[in-house]
Amino acid sequence: MKQYSKIQRYGNTNDNQRGKHHHCPGTEKYETFYSAHRGKRINRVMYDYRDTDNELFSCVAPTLAECRRKRDEWLKAKEGGKK
């Protein structure tokens, strides 16, 4: 069974304090958490990016840098499809 525990919450703190769960286009939110697998604690980042056209990109990866790399690939693919 997987166990999750939240470490930190990032994003627009004003929206989080007001209880809003959405974010403005062109912004990112991410949360770092631990996942337990076979007794080993694994660090993961849950990442959301709302594009300027209001489309949402989400992923989970070991690091924030990896999440941003995946986001950049997604944005390039989107731009390639529009041409």
Protein backbone atom coordinates (compact mmCIF):
# COMPACT_ATOMS: atom_id res chain seq x y z
CA MET A 1 0.00 0.00 0.00
CA LYS A 2 1.32 3.45 -0.88
CA GLN A 3 1.55 6.07 1.81
CA TYR A 4 1.67 9.78 1.05
CA SER A 5 2.64 12.67 3.23
CA LYS A 6 2.70 16.25 2.11
CA ILE A 7 5.91 18.20 2.73
CA GLN A 8 5.32 21.69 1.39
CA ARG A 9 2.66 23.60 -0.51
CA TYR A 10 3.72 26.12 -3.11
CA GLY A 11 1.86 28.49 -5.36
CA ASN A 12 -0.09 31.67 -4.94
CA THR A 13 -0.47 31.86 -1.17
CA ASN A 14 -3.14 34.57 -1.36
CA ASP A 15 -5.40 32.25 -3.40
CA ASN A 16 -4.63 29.32 -1.10
CA GLN A 17 -5.52 31.39 1.97
CA ARG A 18 -8.83 32.39 0.40
CA GLY A 19 -9.65 28.75 -0.34
CA LYS A 20 -9.36 29.05 -4.13
CA HIS A 21 -7.91 26.03 -5.91
CA HIS A 22 -7.55 27.45 -9.43
CA HIS A 23 -4.77 29.65 -10.73
CA CYS A 24 -4.40 32.30 -13.39
CA PRO A 25 -3.30 31.48 -16.96
CA GLY A 26 0.46 31.43 -17.43
CA THR A 27 1.16 30.35 -13.84
CA GLU A 28 2.44 27.20 -12.15
CA LYS A 29 1.73 25.44 -8.86
CA TYR A 30 3.61 22.52 -7.38
CA GLU A 31 3.65 20.42 -4.27
CA THR A 32 6.44 18.22 -2.94
CA PHE A 33 5.50 14.96 -1.21
CA TYR A 34 6.94 11.64 -0.13
CA SER A 35 5.69 8.32 -1.39
CA ALA A 36 6.56 5.09 0.38
CA HIS A 37 7.30 2.05 -1.79
CA ARG A 38 8.61 -1.18 -0.30
CA GLY A 39 9.74 0.64 2.82
CA LYS A 40 11.70 3.26 0.88
CA ARG A 41 10.71 6.93 1.02
CA ILE A 42 10.65 8.53 -2.43
CA ASN A 43 10.47 12.29 -3.04
CA ARG A 44 8.02 13.41 -5.76
CA VAL A 45 6.72 16.71 -7.12
CA MET A 46 3.11 17.13 -8.27
CA TYR A 47 3.08 19.97 -10.83
CA ASP A 48 0.30 21.98 -12.52
CA TYR A 49 0.76 24.63 -15.20
CA ARG A 50 -2.14 26.65 -16.60
CA ASP A 51 -1.23 27.88 -20.10
CA THR A 52 -2.23 31.32 -21.39
CA ASP A 53 -5.06 29.69 -23.39
CA ASN A 54 -6.32 28.26 -20.06
CA GLU A 55 -5.32 24.65 -20.87
CA LEU A 56 -3.97 22.71 -17.87
CA PHE A 57 -0.78 20.62 -17.91
CA SER A 58 -0.19 18.30 -14.93
CA CYS A 59 2.51 15.77 -14.11
CA VAL A 60 4.35 14.02 -11.28
CA ALA A 61 8.15 13.67 -11.42
CA PRO A 62 11.11 13.24 -9.05
CA THR A 63 12.18 16.92 -9.29
CA LEU A 64 10.72 20.32 -10.12
CA ALA A 65 13.31 20.68 -12.91
CA GLU A 66 12.02 17.45 -14.51
CA CYS A 67 8.42 18.72 -14.29
CA ARG A 68 9.40 21.98 -15.98
CA ARG A 69 11.28 20.08 -18.70
CA LYS A 70 8.14 18.03 -19.40
CA ARG A 71 6.07 21.23 -19.44
CA ASP A 72 8.44 22.82 -21.96
CA GLU A 73 8.17 19.74 -24.21
CA TRP A 74 4.37 19.95 -23.95
CA LEU A 75 4.41 23.64 -24.88
CA LYS A 76 6.67 22.95 -27.90
CA ALA A 77 4.35 20.16 -29.04
CA LYS A 78 1.35 22.48 -28.69
CA GLU A 79 3.07 25.20 -30.73
CA GLY A 80 4.06 22.66 -33.39
CA GLY A 81 0.45 21.55 -33.74
CA LYS A 82 -0.85 25.09 -34.26
CA LYS A 83 1.31 25.79 -37.31
